[in-house]
N, C-alpha and C. Protein backbone atom coordinates (compact mmCIF):
# COMPACT_ATOMS: atom_id res chain seq x y z
N MET A 1 56.44 -101.12 58.05
CA MET A 1 55.80 -101.73 59.22
C MET A 1 54.28 -101.78 59.07
N ILE A 2 53.69 -100.63 58.74
CA ILE A 2 52.24 -100.56 58.51
C ILE A 2 52.00 -100.07 57.09
N GLU A 3 51.29 -100.86 56.30
CA GLU A 3 50.98 -100.50 54.92
C GLU A 3 49.48 -100.62 54.69
N ALA A 4 48.84 -99.51 54.37
CA ALA A 4 47.41 -99.51 54.07
C ALA A 4 47.21 -98.94 52.68
N THR A 5 46.39 -99.63 51.90
CA THR A 5 46.11 -99.19 50.54
C THR A 5 44.60 -99.20 50.31
N GLY A 6 44.05 -98.04 50.00
CA GLY A 6 42.63 -97.93 49.70
C GLY A 6 41.73 -98.35 50.85
N LEU A 7 42.19 -98.16 52.07
CA LEU A 7 41.45 -98.64 53.23
C LEU A 7 40.20 -97.80 53.47
N GLY A 8 39.08 -98.48 53.71
CA GLY A 8 37.83 -97.79 53.99
C GLY A 8 36.91 -98.63 54.85
N LEU A 9 36.06 -97.97 55.59
CA LEU A 9 35.08 -98.66 56.43
C LEU A 9 33.72 -98.00 56.22
N ARG A 10 32.75 -98.82 55.82
CA ARG A 10 31.41 -98.32 55.53
C ARG A 10 30.39 -99.07 56.38
N THR A 11 29.44 -98.35 56.94
CA THR A 11 28.34 -98.93 57.68
C THR A 11 27.03 -98.53 57.00
N ARG A 12 25.92 -98.94 57.59
CA ARG A 12 24.62 -98.56 57.01
C ARG A 12 24.42 -97.05 57.04
N ARG A 13 25.15 -96.35 57.91
CA ARG A 13 25.03 -94.89 57.99
C ARG A 13 25.93 -94.18 56.99
N GLY A 14 26.76 -94.94 56.31
CA GLY A 14 27.66 -94.33 55.33
C GLY A 14 29.11 -94.64 55.65
N TRP A 15 30.00 -93.92 54.99
CA TRP A 15 31.43 -94.13 55.17
C TRP A 15 31.89 -93.57 56.52
N VAL A 16 32.59 -94.40 57.25
CA VAL A 16 33.24 -93.93 58.48
C VAL A 16 34.55 -93.24 58.11
N TYR A 17 35.32 -93.88 57.25
CA TYR A 17 36.49 -93.28 56.60
C TYR A 17 36.69 -94.04 55.30
N ARG A 18 37.43 -93.46 54.37
CA ARG A 18 37.64 -94.17 53.11
C ARG A 18 38.87 -93.63 52.39
N ASP A 19 39.32 -94.46 51.43
CA ASP A 19 40.42 -94.08 50.53
C ASP A 19 41.69 -93.70 51.29
N VAL A 20 42.04 -94.50 52.29
CA VAL A 20 43.23 -94.19 53.09
C VAL A 20 44.41 -95.00 52.59
N ASP A 21 45.47 -94.30 52.20
CA ASP A 21 46.75 -94.92 51.86
C ASP A 21 47.75 -94.47 52.91
N LEU A 22 48.45 -95.42 53.49
CA LEU A 22 49.37 -95.09 54.58
C LEU A 22 50.56 -96.03 54.51
N SER A 23 51.75 -95.48 54.64
CA SER A 23 52.96 -96.29 54.65
C SER A 23 53.86 -95.79 55.77
N LEU A 24 54.03 -96.61 56.81
CA LEU A 24 54.80 -96.21 57.97
C LEU A 24 55.94 -97.19 58.21
N PRO A 25 57.17 -96.70 58.23
CA PRO A 25 58.29 -97.58 58.56
C PRO A 25 58.31 -97.91 60.04
N ALA A 26 59.04 -98.94 60.40
CA ALA A 26 59.17 -99.32 61.80
C ALA A 26 59.82 -98.18 62.58
N GLY A 27 59.34 -97.96 63.80
CA GLY A 27 59.90 -96.92 64.64
C GLY A 27 59.53 -95.51 64.23
N SER A 28 58.40 -95.37 63.58
CA SER A 28 57.95 -94.03 63.16
C SER A 28 56.77 -93.58 64.01
N LEU A 29 56.51 -92.29 63.97
CA LEU A 29 55.36 -91.69 64.67
C LEU A 29 54.47 -91.03 63.64
N ALA A 30 53.19 -91.38 63.66
CA ALA A 30 52.23 -90.79 62.73
C ALA A 30 51.07 -90.16 63.48
N ALA A 31 50.63 -89.00 63.00
CA ALA A 31 49.47 -88.32 63.55
C ALA A 31 48.33 -88.45 62.55
N VAL A 32 47.21 -89.01 63.00
CA VAL A 32 46.00 -89.10 62.18
C VAL A 32 45.08 -87.99 62.64
N ALA A 33 44.81 -87.04 61.76
CA ALA A 33 44.03 -85.86 62.14
C ALA A 33 42.72 -85.81 61.37
N GLY A 34 41.74 -85.17 62.00
CA GLY A 34 40.46 -84.99 61.33
C GLY A 34 39.41 -84.51 62.31
N PRO A 35 38.38 -83.85 61.80
CA PRO A 35 37.31 -83.35 62.67
C PRO A 35 36.42 -84.48 63.16
N ALA A 36 35.49 -84.15 64.05
CA ALA A 36 34.49 -85.13 64.49
C ALA A 36 33.77 -85.68 63.26
N GLY A 37 33.62 -86.98 63.22
CA GLY A 37 32.97 -87.61 62.09
C GLY A 37 33.92 -88.11 61.03
N SER A 38 35.22 -87.89 61.23
CA SER A 38 36.18 -88.32 60.21
C SER A 38 36.66 -89.75 60.43
N GLY A 39 36.21 -90.40 61.50
CA GLY A 39 36.49 -91.81 61.69
C GLY A 39 37.83 -92.13 62.31
N ARG A 40 38.38 -91.19 63.08
CA ARG A 40 39.71 -91.40 63.66
C ARG A 40 39.76 -92.66 64.53
N THR A 41 38.80 -92.80 65.44
CA THR A 41 38.82 -93.93 66.38
C THR A 41 38.70 -95.26 65.64
N MET A 42 37.78 -95.36 64.72
CA MET A 42 37.60 -96.61 63.99
C MET A 42 38.78 -96.91 63.09
N PHE A 43 39.42 -95.87 62.59
CA PHE A 43 40.62 -96.10 61.78
C PHE A 43 41.72 -96.71 62.63
N LEU A 44 41.93 -96.17 63.84
CA LEU A 44 42.94 -96.75 64.72
C LEU A 44 42.59 -98.18 65.10
N LEU A 45 41.31 -98.45 65.36
CA LEU A 45 40.90 -99.81 65.68
C LEU A 45 41.12 -100.75 64.50
N THR A 46 40.97 -100.23 63.29
CA THR A 46 41.26 -101.04 62.10
C THR A 46 42.75 -101.36 62.04
N LEU A 47 43.59 -100.34 62.26
CA LEU A 47 45.03 -100.57 62.23
C LEU A 47 45.46 -101.59 63.27
N ALA A 48 44.70 -101.68 64.37
CA ALA A 48 45.03 -102.62 65.43
C ALA A 48 44.34 -103.98 65.26
N GLY A 49 43.66 -104.18 64.15
CA GLY A 49 43.00 -105.45 63.90
C GLY A 49 41.73 -105.66 64.68
N ARG A 50 41.20 -104.59 65.28
CA ARG A 50 39.97 -104.70 66.09
C ARG A 50 38.72 -104.46 65.24
N ALA A 51 38.85 -103.79 64.12
CA ALA A 51 37.72 -103.51 63.24
C ALA A 51 38.07 -104.00 61.83
N ARG A 52 37.08 -104.52 61.13
CA ARG A 52 37.31 -105.07 59.80
C ARG A 52 37.00 -104.01 58.74
N PRO A 53 37.96 -103.67 57.90
CA PRO A 53 37.70 -102.67 56.86
C PRO A 53 36.77 -103.23 55.79
N SER A 54 36.03 -102.33 55.15
CA SER A 54 35.14 -102.73 54.06
C SER A 54 35.87 -102.80 52.74
N THR A 55 36.88 -101.97 52.58
CA THR A 55 37.66 -101.93 51.34
C THR A 55 39.14 -101.79 51.67
N GLY A 56 39.95 -102.17 50.70
CA GLY A 56 41.38 -101.95 50.82
C GLY A 56 42.13 -103.10 51.45
N VAL A 57 43.43 -102.90 51.56
CA VAL A 57 44.34 -103.91 52.08
C VAL A 57 45.17 -103.30 53.20
N LEU A 58 45.32 -104.05 54.29
CA LEU A 58 46.14 -103.62 55.41
C LEU A 58 47.13 -104.72 55.75
N ARG A 59 48.40 -104.34 55.84
CA ARG A 59 49.44 -105.26 56.28
C ARG A 59 50.24 -104.60 57.39
N VAL A 60 50.51 -105.35 58.42
CA VAL A 60 51.32 -104.86 59.53
C VAL A 60 52.44 -105.86 59.78
N GLY A 61 53.66 -105.42 59.54
CA GLY A 61 54.79 -106.31 59.73
C GLY A 61 54.68 -107.61 58.96
N GLY A 62 54.04 -107.59 57.80
CA GLY A 62 53.87 -108.78 57.00
C GLY A 62 52.58 -109.53 57.26
N ALA A 63 51.90 -109.22 58.38
CA ALA A 63 50.63 -109.88 58.70
C ALA A 63 49.49 -109.17 57.99
N ALA A 64 48.59 -109.96 57.41
CA ALA A 64 47.43 -109.38 56.73
C ALA A 64 46.12 -109.75 57.41
N GLY A 65 46.08 -110.85 58.13
CA GLY A 65 44.86 -111.25 58.83
C GLY A 65 44.69 -110.48 60.13
N ARG A 66 43.45 -110.35 60.57
CA ARG A 66 43.19 -109.55 61.77
C ARG A 66 43.85 -110.14 63.01
N ALA A 67 43.87 -111.46 63.12
CA ALA A 67 44.50 -112.07 64.30
C ALA A 67 45.99 -111.74 64.35
N GLY A 68 46.64 -111.83 63.22
CA GLY A 68 48.05 -111.52 63.16
C GLY A 68 48.32 -110.06 63.46
N ILE A 69 47.45 -109.18 62.94
CA ILE A 69 47.61 -107.75 63.18
C ILE A 69 47.38 -107.42 64.65
N ARG A 70 46.38 -108.05 65.28
CA ARG A 70 46.12 -107.80 66.70
C ARG A 70 47.33 -108.15 67.55
N ALA A 71 48.08 -109.15 67.13
CA ALA A 71 49.27 -109.54 67.89
C ALA A 71 50.40 -108.54 67.73
N MET A 72 50.33 -107.73 66.68
CA MET A 72 51.40 -106.77 66.38
C MET A 72 51.13 -105.38 66.93
N VAL A 73 49.85 -105.01 67.02
CA VAL A 73 49.48 -103.62 67.35
C VAL A 73 48.61 -103.61 68.60
N LEU A 74 49.07 -102.96 69.65
CA LEU A 74 48.28 -102.85 70.87
C LEU A 74 47.57 -101.50 70.92
N VAL A 75 46.41 -101.50 71.55
CA VAL A 75 45.62 -100.28 71.69
C VAL A 75 45.88 -99.68 73.07
N ALA A 76 46.54 -98.53 73.09
CA ALA A 76 46.73 -97.82 74.36
C ALA A 76 45.41 -97.19 74.79
N ARG A 77 44.75 -96.53 73.83
CA ARG A 77 43.44 -95.92 74.10
C ARG A 77 42.69 -95.74 72.79
N ALA A 78 41.43 -96.13 72.80
CA ALA A 78 40.51 -95.85 71.69
C ALA A 78 39.23 -95.37 72.34
N THR A 79 38.95 -94.10 72.22
CA THR A 79 37.85 -93.47 72.95
C THR A 79 36.53 -94.19 72.72
N GLY A 80 35.88 -94.59 73.82
CA GLY A 80 34.60 -95.27 73.74
C GLY A 80 34.70 -96.76 73.52
N ALA A 81 35.93 -97.27 73.32
CA ALA A 81 36.10 -98.70 73.07
C ALA A 81 37.14 -99.33 73.99
N VAL A 82 38.30 -98.73 74.08
CA VAL A 82 39.38 -99.24 74.94
C VAL A 82 39.91 -98.06 75.74
N GLU A 83 39.57 -98.03 77.03
CA GLU A 83 39.99 -96.92 77.88
C GLU A 83 40.33 -97.44 79.27
N LEU A 84 41.19 -96.73 79.97
CA LEU A 84 41.49 -97.08 81.35
C LEU A 84 40.27 -96.81 82.22
N ASP A 85 40.11 -97.63 83.24
CA ASP A 85 38.99 -97.46 84.17
C ASP A 85 39.32 -96.32 85.12
N PRO A 86 38.55 -95.22 85.08
CA PRO A 86 38.87 -94.08 85.94
C PRO A 86 38.72 -94.36 87.42
N ASP A 87 38.01 -95.44 87.78
CA ASP A 87 37.78 -95.76 89.19
C ASP A 87 38.86 -96.66 89.78
N LEU A 88 39.78 -97.14 88.93
CA LEU A 88 40.89 -97.93 89.42
C LEU A 88 42.05 -97.01 89.80
N THR A 89 42.87 -97.46 90.71
CA THR A 89 44.07 -96.70 91.03
C THR A 89 45.15 -97.01 89.98
N VAL A 90 46.18 -96.18 89.99
CA VAL A 90 47.32 -96.43 89.11
C VAL A 90 47.92 -97.80 89.42
N GLY A 91 48.04 -98.13 90.70
CA GLY A 91 48.59 -99.43 91.08
C GLY A 91 47.75 -100.59 90.59
N ASP A 92 46.43 -100.47 90.71
CA ASP A 92 45.53 -101.52 90.23
C ASP A 92 45.68 -101.69 88.72
N SER A 93 45.80 -100.59 88.01
CA SER A 93 45.94 -100.64 86.55
C SER A 93 47.25 -101.32 86.15
N ARG A 94 48.31 -101.03 86.91
CA ARG A 94 49.58 -101.68 86.65
C ARG A 94 49.47 -103.19 86.85
N ARG A 95 48.83 -103.60 87.95
CA ARG A 95 48.70 -105.02 88.23
C ARG A 95 47.85 -105.71 87.17
N GLU A 96 46.82 -105.05 86.71
CA GLU A 96 45.97 -105.62 85.66
C GLU A 96 46.76 -105.82 84.37
N ALA A 97 47.59 -104.82 84.02
CA ALA A 97 48.41 -104.93 82.81
C ALA A 97 49.41 -106.08 82.95
N ALA A 98 49.97 -106.24 84.14
CA ALA A 98 50.94 -107.32 84.35
C ALA A 98 50.29 -108.69 84.21
N LEU A 99 49.03 -108.81 84.61
CA LEU A 99 48.32 -110.07 84.47
C LEU A 99 48.05 -110.39 83.00
N LEU A 100 47.82 -109.36 82.20
CA LEU A 100 47.51 -109.56 80.78
C LEU A 100 48.74 -109.94 79.98
N SER A 101 49.91 -109.54 80.45
CA SER A 101 51.15 -109.86 79.75
C SER A 101 52.22 -110.21 80.76
N ARG A 102 52.60 -111.47 80.81
CA ARG A 102 53.60 -111.90 81.78
C ARG A 102 54.97 -111.27 81.49
N ASP A 103 55.18 -110.87 80.23
CA ASP A 103 56.46 -110.28 79.85
C ASP A 103 56.46 -108.75 79.98
N ALA A 104 55.39 -108.19 80.52
CA ALA A 104 55.31 -106.73 80.63
C ALA A 104 56.42 -106.19 81.51
N ASP A 105 57.06 -105.13 81.04
CA ASP A 105 58.11 -104.45 81.79
C ASP A 105 57.63 -103.03 82.07
N LEU A 106 56.84 -102.89 83.13
CA LEU A 106 56.21 -101.60 83.42
C LEU A 106 57.22 -100.56 83.88
N ASP A 107 58.24 -100.99 84.60
CA ASP A 107 59.26 -100.03 85.04
C ASP A 107 59.95 -99.40 83.84
N TRP A 108 60.33 -100.23 82.89
CA TRP A 108 60.96 -99.72 81.66
C TRP A 108 60.02 -98.79 80.92
N ALA A 109 58.77 -99.18 80.78
CA ALA A 109 57.81 -98.39 80.01
C ALA A 109 57.54 -97.03 80.67
N GLU A 110 57.44 -97.01 81.99
CA GLU A 110 57.19 -95.74 82.67
C GLU A 110 58.41 -94.82 82.61
N ARG A 111 59.60 -95.41 82.63
CA ARG A 111 60.80 -94.58 82.41
C ARG A 111 60.80 -94.04 80.98
N LEU A 112 60.39 -94.87 80.05
CA LEU A 112 60.37 -94.46 78.65
C LEU A 112 59.49 -93.24 78.43
N VAL A 113 58.34 -93.19 79.11
CA VAL A 113 57.43 -92.06 78.92
C VAL A 113 57.59 -90.98 79.98
N GLY A 114 58.54 -91.18 80.88
CA GLY A 114 58.85 -90.14 81.85
C GLY A 114 57.82 -89.96 82.94
N LEU A 115 57.21 -91.07 83.40
CA LEU A 115 56.18 -90.98 84.43
C LEU A 115 56.68 -91.53 85.76
N GLN A 116 56.31 -90.84 86.83
CA GLN A 116 56.52 -91.33 88.19
C GLN A 116 55.23 -91.05 88.95
N LEU A 117 54.30 -91.97 88.86
CA LEU A 117 52.98 -91.78 89.42
C LEU A 117 52.83 -92.51 90.75
N ASP A 118 52.09 -91.90 91.65
CA ASP A 118 51.74 -92.53 92.92
C ASP A 118 50.73 -93.64 92.64
N GLY A 119 51.03 -94.84 93.11
CA GLY A 119 50.16 -95.98 92.84
C GLY A 119 48.78 -95.86 93.44
N THR A 120 48.62 -94.99 94.45
CA THR A 120 47.30 -94.84 95.08
C THR A 120 46.41 -93.83 94.37
N THR A 121 46.96 -93.13 93.36
CA THR A 121 46.18 -92.12 92.64
C THR A 121 45.13 -92.79 91.76
N LEU A 122 43.91 -92.27 91.79
CA LEU A 122 42.88 -92.78 90.88
C LEU A 122 43.21 -92.35 89.46
N VAL A 123 43.02 -93.25 88.52
CA VAL A 123 43.26 -92.93 87.11
C VAL A 123 42.43 -91.72 86.69
N GLY A 124 41.21 -91.63 87.20
CA GLY A 124 40.35 -90.51 86.84
C GLY A 124 40.83 -89.18 87.35
N ASP A 125 41.79 -89.18 88.28
CA ASP A 125 42.34 -87.93 88.81
C ASP A 125 43.63 -87.50 88.11
N LEU A 126 44.10 -88.30 87.17
CA LEU A 126 45.32 -87.94 86.45
C LEU A 126 45.05 -86.76 85.51
N ALA A 127 46.06 -85.94 85.32
CA ALA A 127 45.97 -84.88 84.32
C ALA A 127 45.86 -85.51 82.94
N PRO A 128 45.28 -84.79 81.95
CA PRO A 128 45.09 -85.38 80.62
C PRO A 128 46.36 -85.95 80.00
N ASP A 129 47.49 -85.22 80.13
CA ASP A 129 48.72 -85.73 79.55
C ASP A 129 49.22 -86.95 80.31
N GLU A 130 49.08 -86.94 81.64
CA GLU A 130 49.49 -88.11 82.43
C GLU A 130 48.64 -89.33 82.08
N ALA A 131 47.33 -89.13 81.92
CA ALA A 131 46.45 -90.24 81.59
C ALA A 131 46.81 -90.84 80.23
N ALA A 132 47.08 -89.98 79.25
CA ALA A 132 47.46 -90.48 77.92
C ALA A 132 48.77 -91.24 77.99
N LEU A 133 49.75 -90.69 78.68
CA LEU A 133 51.06 -91.33 78.73
C LEU A 133 51.04 -92.59 79.60
N PHE A 134 50.19 -92.63 80.61
CA PHE A 134 50.06 -93.85 81.40
C PHE A 134 49.47 -94.96 80.54
N ALA A 135 48.48 -94.63 79.73
CA ALA A 135 47.91 -95.62 78.81
C ALA A 135 48.96 -96.12 77.83
N VAL A 136 49.79 -95.21 77.35
CA VAL A 136 50.87 -95.59 76.44
C VAL A 136 51.87 -96.51 77.16
N ALA A 137 52.21 -96.17 78.40
CA ALA A 137 53.16 -96.99 79.14
C ALA A 137 52.64 -98.41 79.35
N LEU A 138 51.37 -98.52 79.68
CA LEU A 138 50.80 -99.86 79.90
C LEU A 138 50.86 -100.69 78.62
N ALA A 139 50.56 -100.05 77.49
CA ALA A 139 50.63 -100.77 76.21
C ALA A 139 52.07 -101.07 75.82
N ALA A 140 52.95 -100.09 76.00
CA ALA A 140 54.35 -100.25 75.60
C ALA A 140 55.09 -101.25 76.46
N SER A 141 54.58 -101.51 77.66
CA SER A 141 55.28 -102.41 78.58
C SER A 141 55.45 -103.82 78.01
N ALA A 142 54.59 -104.19 77.09
CA ALA A 142 54.70 -105.50 76.44
C ALA A 142 55.64 -105.45 75.24
N ARG A 143 56.22 -104.27 74.98
CA ARG A 143 57.15 -104.04 73.86
C ARG A 143 56.56 -104.52 72.53
N PRO A 144 55.36 -104.05 72.18
CA PRO A 144 54.77 -104.47 70.90
C PRO A 144 55.49 -103.79 69.74
N PRO A 145 55.39 -104.33 68.54
CA PRO A 145 55.95 -103.64 67.38
C PRO A 145 55.29 -102.29 67.13
N ALA A 146 53.99 -102.17 67.49
CA ALA A 146 53.27 -100.92 67.24
C ALA A 146 52.16 -100.75 68.27
N LEU A 147 51.76 -99.50 68.47
CA LEU A 147 50.61 -99.20 69.32
C LEU A 147 49.88 -97.99 68.78
N VAL A 148 48.61 -97.85 69.18
CA VAL A 148 47.79 -96.72 68.74
C VAL A 148 47.23 -96.01 69.97
N LEU A 149 47.11 -94.69 69.85
CA LEU A 149 46.58 -93.85 70.93
C LEU A 149 45.59 -92.87 70.34
N ASP A 150 44.38 -92.86 70.86
CA ASP A 150 43.32 -92.00 70.35
C ASP A 150 43.26 -90.68 71.13
N ASP A 151 42.88 -89.62 70.44
CA ASP A 151 42.51 -88.34 71.06
C ASP A 151 43.60 -87.76 71.97
N VAL A 152 44.77 -87.51 71.39
CA VAL A 152 45.85 -86.86 72.14
C VAL A 152 45.38 -85.52 72.71
N ASP A 153 44.49 -84.85 72.01
CA ASP A 153 44.06 -83.51 72.40
C ASP A 153 42.91 -83.50 73.40
N ALA A 154 42.39 -84.65 73.78
CA ALA A 154 41.19 -84.69 74.64
C ALA A 154 41.45 -84.01 75.99
N HIS A 155 40.76 -82.90 76.22
CA HIS A 155 40.82 -82.14 77.48
C HIS A 155 42.22 -81.62 77.79
N ALA A 156 43.15 -81.68 76.84
CA ALA A 156 44.53 -81.32 77.10
C ALA A 156 44.85 -79.91 76.61
N THR A 157 45.65 -79.20 77.37
CA THR A 157 46.12 -77.89 76.96
C THR A 157 47.16 -78.07 75.86
N PRO A 158 47.46 -77.00 75.11
CA PRO A 158 48.52 -77.10 74.10
C PRO A 158 49.84 -77.60 74.69
N GLU A 159 50.20 -77.13 75.88
CA GLU A 159 51.45 -77.57 76.50
C GLU A 159 51.41 -79.06 76.80
N GLN A 160 50.26 -79.55 77.31
CA GLN A 160 50.13 -80.97 77.59
C GLN A 160 50.19 -81.80 76.31
N GLN A 161 49.59 -81.29 75.24
CA GLN A 161 49.64 -82.00 73.96
C GLN A 161 51.07 -82.09 73.45
N ARG A 162 51.81 -80.99 73.56
CA ARG A 162 53.21 -81.01 73.11
C ARG A 162 54.01 -82.04 73.90
N ARG A 163 53.73 -82.13 75.20
CA ARG A 163 54.44 -83.13 76.01
C ARG A 163 54.14 -84.53 75.52
N VAL A 164 52.87 -84.81 75.23
CA VAL A 164 52.50 -86.15 74.77
C VAL A 164 53.16 -86.46 73.44
N TRP A 165 53.10 -85.53 72.48
CA TRP A 165 53.69 -85.78 71.17
C TRP A 165 55.20 -85.99 71.28
N ALA A 166 55.86 -85.16 72.09
CA ALA A 166 57.31 -85.31 72.25
C ALA A 166 57.65 -86.67 72.86
N THR A 167 56.84 -87.11 73.81
CA THR A 167 57.07 -88.41 74.44
C THR A 167 56.81 -89.54 73.46
N LEU A 168 55.76 -89.41 72.66
CA LEU A 168 55.47 -90.43 71.66
C LEU A 168 56.61 -90.56 70.66
N ALA A 169 57.25 -89.43 70.34
CA ALA A 169 58.42 -89.48 69.45
C ALA A 169 59.52 -90.32 70.09
N GLY A 170 59.70 -90.20 71.41
CA GLY A 170 60.68 -91.01 72.11
C GLY A 170 60.33 -92.48 72.11
N VAL A 171 59.03 -92.78 72.24
CA VAL A 171 58.58 -94.18 72.17
C VAL A 171 58.89 -94.76 70.80
N ALA A 172 58.65 -93.97 69.76
CA ALA A 172 58.95 -94.42 68.40
C ALA A 172 60.45 -94.65 68.23
N GLU A 173 61.25 -93.77 68.79
CA GLU A 173 62.71 -93.93 68.70
C GLU A 173 63.18 -95.20 69.39
N ALA A 174 62.40 -95.66 70.37
CA ALA A 174 62.73 -96.91 71.06
C ALA A 174 62.36 -98.13 70.23
N GLY A 175 61.76 -97.91 69.06
CA GLY A 175 61.46 -99.00 68.14
C GLY A 175 60.02 -99.40 68.03
N ILE A 176 59.12 -98.70 68.74
CA ILE A 176 57.69 -99.01 68.67
C ILE A 176 57.02 -98.01 67.74
N THR A 177 56.45 -98.50 66.66
CA THR A 177 55.72 -97.63 65.74
C THR A 177 54.46 -97.12 66.44
N VAL A 178 54.23 -95.81 66.38
CA VAL A 178 53.11 -95.20 67.10
C VAL A 178 52.22 -94.45 66.11
N VAL A 179 50.92 -94.72 66.20
CA VAL A 179 49.93 -93.95 65.43
C VAL A 179 48.97 -93.34 66.43
N ALA A 180 48.85 -92.02 66.43
CA ALA A 180 48.01 -91.32 67.40
C ALA A 180 47.08 -90.37 66.67
N SER A 181 45.91 -90.14 67.25
CA SER A 181 44.92 -89.30 66.58
C SER A 181 44.70 -87.99 67.33
N THR A 182 44.26 -87.00 66.58
CA THR A 182 43.99 -85.68 67.12
C THR A 182 43.10 -84.93 66.14
N ILE A 183 42.46 -83.88 66.59
CA ILE A 183 41.67 -83.06 65.67
C ILE A 183 42.59 -82.26 64.76
N ASP A 184 43.64 -81.69 65.35
CA ASP A 184 44.56 -80.82 64.61
C ASP A 184 45.98 -81.27 64.92
N ALA A 185 46.74 -81.62 63.88
CA ALA A 185 48.09 -82.13 64.08
C ALA A 185 49.13 -81.02 64.17
N GLY A 186 48.69 -79.80 64.38
CA GLY A 186 49.62 -78.68 64.43
C GLY A 186 50.62 -78.76 65.56
N LEU A 187 50.30 -79.50 66.61
CA LEU A 187 51.21 -79.61 67.75
C LEU A 187 51.98 -80.93 67.75
N ALA A 188 51.86 -81.67 66.66
CA ALA A 188 52.45 -83.01 66.62
C ALA A 188 53.92 -83.02 66.24
N GLY A 189 54.54 -81.85 66.13
CA GLY A 189 55.96 -81.79 65.83
C GLY A 189 56.29 -82.40 64.48
N GLY A 190 57.28 -83.28 64.47
CA GLY A 190 57.73 -83.87 63.20
C GLY A 190 57.03 -85.16 62.84
N ALA A 191 55.90 -85.45 63.47
CA ALA A 191 55.18 -86.69 63.15
C ALA A 191 54.68 -86.69 61.71
N LEU A 192 54.71 -87.85 61.09
CA LEU A 192 54.07 -88.00 59.78
C LEU A 192 52.58 -87.77 59.98
N THR A 193 51.97 -87.02 59.09
CA THR A 193 50.57 -86.64 59.30
C THR A 193 49.68 -87.14 58.17
N HIS A 194 48.55 -87.73 58.56
CA HIS A 194 47.54 -88.11 57.58
C HIS A 194 46.21 -87.48 57.98
N GLN A 195 45.58 -86.81 57.05
CA GLN A 195 44.30 -86.15 57.31
C GLN A 195 43.16 -87.03 56.86
N LEU A 196 42.24 -87.31 57.78
CA LEU A 196 41.06 -88.11 57.46
C LEU A 196 39.89 -87.20 57.13
N ARG A 197 39.08 -87.64 56.18
CA ARG A 197 37.83 -86.94 55.85
C ARG A 197 36.74 -87.99 55.69
N SER A 198 35.50 -87.58 55.93
CA SER A 198 34.39 -88.52 55.85
C SER A 198 33.12 -87.79 55.46
N ASP A 199 32.20 -88.55 54.85
CA ASP A 199 30.88 -88.01 54.52
C ASP A 199 29.93 -88.08 55.70
N ARG A 200 30.34 -88.85 56.75
CA ARG A 200 29.45 -89.04 57.88
C ARG A 200 29.41 -87.79 58.75
N ALA A 201 28.27 -87.55 59.37
CA ALA A 201 28.11 -86.37 60.21
C ALA A 201 28.58 -86.62 61.64
N ALA A 202 28.71 -87.88 62.04
CA ALA A 202 29.10 -88.20 63.42
C ALA A 202 30.15 -89.28 63.39
N SER A 203 31.03 -89.25 64.41
CA SER A 203 32.10 -90.24 64.49
C SER A 203 31.62 -91.49 65.20
């Protein structure tokens, strides 16, 4: 489903990430791990066709161009780039997602991730695991072949992280390839793990 060979991204500040080889079958779950500065967010944006790599080859479901890849991989969350608006309610966020995709099946997606949220709740008031899974549900509602989720561990307790990883495994079993990032993949269960390293001092 996702094939990356020698993938790298370099800016004037240096390498964001480099020398990444990744092979993920359809319906798999992968954890991309690395410390601050290892390029986790930009790597996920590359996999989703939002960022152009400097080196290497990326194919997703047979698509090699960024437009084709963007149609295959949705971004649930990429910290600092694609995030839910904390000032919107859950209901507003649902309606916004429905406008973006006429085929969105939010009821199915929320059942898939095990969420029953009050529509009047502000997104910014959700617990870390609820916020992550709500973002996943909104992306999964369009039933994309793949989706990416950044920073599973952000502000989350170990128990909350385990819940997210276990739920992501269920999303993958439903046929959506999932790539999620974290500092430490120790709580990612049976997810395929790739460790990122970088020469850059900041992410």
